[in-house]
Structures are given as C-alpha cells and as structure tokens.
Amino acid sequence: MASQNFEPIHFPDFKDNNKINAKNPLLGSLCLFFVFFTTFLFLYFIYACARRRHHAASTALPEAGLDPASISSLPVSSFAMKPSHGGAECAICLSIFQEGERVKVLPLCRHGFHSDCVDEWLRTRSSCPLCRGCVHRVDSLEAGMWVVPLP
C-alpha cells in the first residue's frame, strides 16, 4: 500500500477581521439598498393593482333595465300543460308552472317565465334570465318589433 500524504485543511482565521471589515460596510449598504428597493417595487405593484381594480370598477357600465312601458308590452299568456312540456319550470324562481298561471314569453328567444318573476328581473336587467339574449327594443312600442342590436 502506498502511503498517502494528507494535508490538513486550513480554514480561514476569522480572528483577523481586517479583510472582512474592509468589505463589510459596502456589502451591508448593498444589502440594505436591495431590501428597500425590493420593498418599494412590491408596494408599487400593490398600489398599481388596486388602482387598476378601482378604475375598472368605476368605468364599468351598469346594465340598465327596461322601462315599465316596455315590460308591460311583453306578451302574457295563460300556461296550458302539454305532454311535451313535462315539468316546465320558471328559471328565475325555479317553481314548476301550474295550469292557468300567467306566463310571460320573451319575443326573441321564446323563453317563458312567471310574469311577476320576469317583470322584477327586467326592471334591473335587459337580458333574458336563461340565455342572456338581449331584450332591447330599438324602435317604438307601437311597431311591436323586437330586434337584437349588433355588437
């Protein structure tokens, strides 16, 4: 077997602080600058996100409902049970239509709802509760024609 010469590992002597002290103020300053800069960027990011969210909420157009004259001009009929209807229900209140109940049918999509339910819905929104199709009338009430505006 060959003899192996092991050299001892020499660790730096930390008792001699002359070299470390010469670099320490600069290194400490850089670390402190990095911490402040990172904190500033984080706080600015939070500020920008909050401002964007506030701006988006303030510029969003509220969905306007229909006027009472338009709502009352919608056709109302009495519900008659047909075998094809099965258990037809109002999509707003989720109750099954009973024989003879007043049902309001929207002209474009032909979806039917309880008259009171859809009247309350249309006071605040101008879309069908089921398919979200537009229920706007572009022309006058006398013409009786309902159209969907183009986007």
C-alpha atoms as a PDB file:
ATOM      1  CA  MET A   1       0.000   0.000   0.000  1.00  0.00           C
ATOM      2  CA  ALA A   2       1.179   3.384  -0.855  1.00  0.00           C
ATOM      3  CA  SER A   3       1.403   5.867   1.872  1.00  0.00           C
ATOM      4  CA  GLN A   4      -0.840   8.817   1.455  1.00  0.00           C
ATOM      5  CA  ASN A   5       0.141  12.269   2.447  1.00  0.00           C
ATOM      6  CA  PHE A   6      -2.816  14.095   3.809  1.00  0.00           C
ATOM      7  CA  GLU A   7      -2.559  17.805   4.048  1.00  0.00           C
ATOM      8  CA  PRO A   8      -4.616  19.341   6.761  1.00  0.00           C
ATOM      9  CA  ILE A   9      -7.481  21.592   5.718  1.00  0.00           C
ATOM     10  CA  HIS A  10      -6.828  25.158   6.644  1.00  0.00           C
ATOM     11  CA  PHE A  11      -9.873  27.247   7.457  1.00  0.00           C
ATOM     12  CA  PRO A  12      -9.555  30.986   7.331  1.00  0.00           C
ATOM     13  CA  ASP A  13      -8.842  32.572  10.632  1.00  0.00           C
ATOM     14  CA  PHE A  14     -11.770  34.807  11.471  1.00  0.00           C
ATOM     15  CA  LYS A  15      -9.885  36.424  14.269  1.00  0.00           C
ATOM     16  CA  ASP A  16      -8.152  38.601  11.710  1.00  0.00           C
ATOM     17  CA  ASN A  17     -11.070  40.877  10.795  1.00  0.00           C
ATOM     18  CA  ASN A  18      -9.074  43.403   8.782  1.00  0.00           C
ATOM     19  CA  LYS A  19     -10.053  41.955   5.397  1.00  0.00           C
ATOM     20  CA  ILE A  20     -13.702  41.374   6.340  1.00  0.00           C
ATOM     21  CA  ASN A  21     -14.157  44.829   7.859  1.00  0.00           C
ATOM     22  CA  ALA A  22     -12.840  46.471   4.726  1.00  0.00           C
ATOM     23  CA  LYS A  23     -15.686  44.951   2.617  1.00  0.00           C
ATOM     24  CA  ASN A  24     -18.434  44.822   5.242  1.00  0.00           C
ATOM     25  CA  PRO A  25     -19.749  48.407   5.051  1.00  0.00           C
ATOM     26  CA  LEU A  26     -20.100  48.225   1.284  1.00  0.00           C
ATOM     27  CA  LEU A  27     -21.727  44.793   1.399  1.00  0.00           C
ATOM     28  CA  GLY A  28     -24.110  45.887   4.156  1.00  0.00           C
ATOM     29  CA  SER A  29     -25.068  49.007   2.222  1.00  0.00           C
ATOM     30  CA  LEU A  30     -25.799  46.987  -0.902  1.00  0.00           C
ATOM     31  CA  CYS A  31     -27.945  44.508   1.014  1.00  0.00           C
ATOM     32  CA  LEU A  32     -29.890  47.328   2.670  1.00  0.00           C
ATOM     33  CA  PHE A  33     -30.405  49.050  -0.694  1.00  0.00           C
ATOM     34  CA  PHE A  34     -31.635  45.769  -2.211  1.00  0.00           C
ATOM     35  CA  VAL A  35     -34.133  45.258   0.638  1.00  0.00           C
ATOM     36  CA  PHE A  36     -35.508  48.811   0.312  1.00  0.00           C
ATOM     37  CA  PHE A  37     -35.673  48.636  -3.486  1.00  0.00           C
ATOM     38  CA  THR A  38     -37.491  45.279  -3.419  1.00  0.00           C
ATOM     39  CA  THR A  39     -39.939  46.589  -0.809  1.00  0.00           C
ATOM     40  CA  PHE A  40     -40.587  49.690  -2.923  1.00  0.00           C
ATOM     41  CA  LEU A  41     -41.283  47.589  -6.038  1.00  0.00           C
ATOM     42  CA  PHE A  42     -43.649  45.328  -4.114  1.00  0.00           C
ATOM     43  CA  LEU A  43     -45.598  48.257  -2.649  1.00  0.00           C
ATOM     44  CA  TYR A  44     -45.810  49.947  -6.061  1.00  0.00           C
ATOM     45  CA  PHE A  45     -47.136  46.709  -7.581  1.00  0.00           C
ATOM     46  CA  ILE A  46     -49.848  46.513  -4.911  1.00  0.00           C
ATOM     47  CA  TYR A  47     -50.739  50.175  -5.500  1.00  0.00           C
ATOM     48  CA  ALA A  48     -50.949  49.692  -9.286  1.00  0.00           C
ATOM     49  CA  CYS A  49     -53.174  46.610  -8.939  1.00  0.00           C
ATOM     50  CA  ALA A  50     -55.534  48.370  -6.533  1.00  0.00           C
ATOM     51  CA  ARG A  51     -55.731  51.418  -8.778  1.00  0.00           C
ATOM     52  CA  ARG A  52     -56.465  49.295 -11.844  1.00  0.00           C
ATOM     53  CA  ARG A  53     -59.202  47.394  -9.975  1.00  0.00           C
ATOM     54  CA  HIS A  54     -60.755  50.658  -8.756  1.00  0.00           C
ATOM     55  CA  HIS A  55     -60.581  52.176 -12.249  1.00  0.00           C
ATOM     56  CA  ALA A  56     -62.163  49.096 -13.837  1.00  0.00           C
ATOM     57  CA  ALA A  57     -64.994  49.111 -11.284  1.00  0.00           C
ATOM     58  CA  SER A  58     -65.700  52.807 -11.752  1.00  0.00           C
ATOM     59  CA  THR A  59     -65.767  52.686 -15.561  1.00  0.00           C
ATOM     60  CA  ALA A  60     -67.921  49.560 -15.864  1.00  0.00           C
ATOM     61  CA  LEU A  61     -71.251  50.373 -17.416  1.00  0.00           C
ATOM     62  CA  PRO A  62     -74.169  49.263 -15.279  1.00  0.00           C
ATOM     63  CA  GLU A  63     -76.616  47.074 -17.111  1.00  0.00           C
ATOM     64  CA  ALA A  64     -79.770  49.133 -17.442  1.00  0.00           C
ATOM     65  CA  GLY A  65     -83.160  47.557 -17.077  1.00  0.00           C
ATOM     66  CA  LEU A  66     -86.191  48.094 -19.272  1.00  0.00           C
ATOM     67  CA  ASP A  67     -88.686  50.857 -18.671  1.00  0.00           C
ATOM     68  CA  PRO A  68     -92.129  49.867 -17.265  1.00  0.00           C
ATOM     69  CA  ALA A  69     -93.867  50.507 -20.607  1.00  0.00           C
ATOM     70  CA  SER A  70     -91.560  48.049 -22.399  1.00  0.00           C
ATOM     71  CA  ILE A  71     -92.031  45.430 -19.699  1.00  0.00           C
ATOM     72  CA  SER A  72     -95.820  45.707 -19.781  1.00  0.00           C
ATOM     73  CA  SER A  73     -95.828  45.430 -23.594  1.00  0.00           C
ATOM     74  CA  LEU A  74     -94.385  41.900 -23.477  1.00  0.00           C
ATOM     75  CA  PRO A  75     -96.955  39.220 -24.320  1.00  0.00           C
ATOM     76  CA  VAL A  76     -98.573  37.425 -21.363  1.00  0.00           C
ATOM     77  CA  SER A  77    -100.405  34.136 -21.761  1.00  0.00           C
ATOM     78  CA  SER A  78    -102.013  31.534 -19.563  1.00  0.00           C
ATOM     79  CA  PHE A  79     -99.974  28.379 -19.098  1.00  0.00           C
ATOM     80  CA  ALA A  80    -101.602  25.248 -20.530  1.00  0.00           C
ATOM     81  CA  MET A  81     -99.979  21.911 -19.720  1.00  0.00           C
ATOM     82  CA  LYS A  82     -98.957  19.944 -22.794  1.00  0.00           C
ATOM     83  CA  PRO A  83     -97.405  16.482 -22.771  1.00  0.00           C
ATOM     84  CA  SER A  84     -94.273  17.905 -24.399  1.00  0.00           C
ATOM     85  CA  HIS A  85     -93.773  20.403 -21.552  1.00  0.00           C
ATOM     86  CA  GLY A  86     -93.278  17.748 -18.905  1.00  0.00           C
ATOM     87  CA  GLY A  87     -92.320  19.608 -15.730  1.00  0.00           C
ATOM     88  CA  ALA A  88     -91.694  23.052 -17.210  1.00  0.00           C
ATOM     89  CA  GLU A  89     -90.402  25.484 -14.607  1.00  0.00           C
ATOM     90  CA  CYS A  90     -89.612  29.153 -14.250  1.00  0.00           C
ATOM     91  CA  ALA A  91     -85.843  29.602 -14.435  1.00  0.00           C
ATOM     92  CA  ILE A  92     -85.999  32.572 -12.040  1.00  0.00           C
ATOM     93  CA  CYS A  93     -87.948  31.184  -9.076  1.00  0.00           C
ATOM     94  CA  LEU A  94     -87.407  27.506 -10.011  1.00  0.00           C
ATOM     95  CA  SER A  95     -91.017  26.524  -9.367  1.00  0.00           C
ATOM     96  CA  ILE A  96     -92.999  24.367 -11.787  1.00  0.00           C
ATOM     97  CA  PHE A  97     -95.633  26.113 -13.891  1.00  0.00           C
ATOM     98  CA  GLN A  98     -99.186  25.300 -12.814  1.00  0.00           C
ATOM     99  CA  GLU A  99    -102.181  25.139 -15.125  1.00  0.00           C
ATOM    100  CA  GLY A 100    -103.595  28.630 -15.763  1.00  0.00           C
ATOM    101  CA  GLU A 101    -100.634  30.635 -14.361  1.00  0.00           C
ATOM    102  CA  ARG A 102     -99.676  33.868 -16.112  1.00  0.00           C
ATOM    103  CA  VAL A 103     -96.544  33.279 -18.178  1.00  0.00           C
ATOM    104  CA  LYS A 104     -94.628  35.999 -19.977  1.00  0.00           C
ATOM    105  CA  VAL A 105     -92.784  34.831 -23.124  1.00  0.00           C
ATOM    106  CA  LEU A 106     -89.841  36.870 -24.409  1.00  0.00           C
ATOM    107  CA  PRO A 107     -90.291  37.545 -28.139  1.00  0.00           C
ATOM    108  CA  LEU A 108     -86.797  36.823 -29.476  1.00  0.00           C
ATOM    109  CA  CYS A 109     -85.717  33.697 -27.624  1.00  0.00           C
ATOM    110  CA  ARG A 110     -89.245  32.438 -26.794  1.00  0.00           C
ATOM    111  CA  HIS A 111     -88.306  31.609 -23.189  1.00  0.00           C
ATOM    112  CA  GLY A 112     -91.207  31.781 -20.755  1.00  0.00           C
ATOM    113  CA  PHE A 113     -91.237  32.829 -17.092  1.00  0.00           C
ATOM    114  CA  HIS A 114     -93.775  33.721 -14.434  1.00  0.00           C
ATOM    115  CA  SER A 115     -94.997  37.217 -15.233  1.00  0.00           C
ATOM    116  CA  ASP A 116     -94.093  38.653 -11.820  1.00  0.00           C
ATOM    117  CA  CYS A 117     -90.659  36.979 -11.794  1.00  0.00           C
ATOM    118  CA  VAL A 118     -89.560  38.233 -15.194  1.00  0.00           C
ATOM    119  CA  ASP A 119     -91.000  41.717 -14.569  1.00  0.00           C
ATOM    120  CA  GLU A 120     -88.791  42.083 -11.493  1.00  0.00           C
ATOM    121  CA  TRP A 121     -85.801  40.736 -13.441  1.00  0.00           C
ATOM    122  CA  LEU A 122     -86.321  43.120 -16.367  1.00  0.00           C
ATOM    123  CA  ARG A 123     -86.524  46.183 -14.093  1.00  0.00           C
ATOM    124  CA  THR A 124     -82.810  45.784 -13.375  1.00  0.00           C
ATOM    125  CA  ARG A 125     -81.533  43.905 -16.448  1.00  0.00           C
ATOM    126  CA  SER A 126     -82.304  43.989 -20.142  1.00  0.00           C
ATOM    127  CA  SER A 127     -81.450  40.375 -20.940  1.00  0.00           C
ATOM    128  CA  CYS A 128     -83.191  37.014 -20.837  1.00  0.00           C
ATOM    129  CA  PRO A 129     -82.548  35.279 -17.494  1.00  0.00           C
ATOM    130  CA  LEU A 130     -81.967  31.956 -19.229  1.00  0.00           C
ATOM    131  CA  CYS A 131     -79.917  32.623 -22.373  1.00  0.00           C
ATOM    132  CA  ARG A 132     -78.806  36.219 -21.619  1.00  0.00           C
ATOM    133  CA  GLY A 133     -80.124  37.267 -25.019  1.00  0.00           C
ATOM    134  CA  CYS A 134     -80.869  40.959 -25.352  1.00  0.00           C
ATOM    135  CA  VAL A 135     -84.491  42.058 -24.843  1.00  0.00           C
ATOM    136  CA  HIS A 136     -83.951  45.640 -26.083  1.00  0.00           C
ATOM    137  CA  ARG A 137     -86.400  47.250 -28.398  1.00  0.00           C
ATOM    138  CA  VAL A 138     -84.817  49.585 -30.889  1.00  0.00           C
ATOM    139  CA  ASP A 139     -87.966  51.015 -32.456  1.00  0.00           C
ATOM    140  CA  SER A 140     -91.154  52.369 -30.872  1.00  0.00           C
ATOM    141  CA  LEU A 141     -93.690  50.437 -28.794  1.00  0.00           C
ATOM    142  CA  GLU A 142     -96.382  50.770 -31.456  1.00  0.00           C
ATOM    143  CA  ALA A 143     -94.358  48.889 -34.084  1.00  0.00           C
ATOM    144  CA  GLY A 144     -94.168  45.842 -31.812  1.00  0.00           C
ATOM    145  CA  MET A 145     -90.949  44.638 -33.416  1.00  0.00           C
ATOM    146  CA  TRP A 146     -88.121  43.403 -31.202  1.00  0.00           C
ATOM    147  CA  VAL A 147     -84.578  43.259 -32.526  1.00  0.00           C
ATOM    148  CA  VAL A 148     -81.191  42.391 -31.120  1.00  0.00           C
ATOM    149  CA  PRO A 149     -78.664  45.216 -31.588  1.00  0.00           C
ATOM    150  CA  LEU A 150     -75.442  44.238 -33.295  1.00  0.00           C
ATOM    151  CA  PRO A 151     -72.270  44.374 -31.186  1.00  0.00           C
END
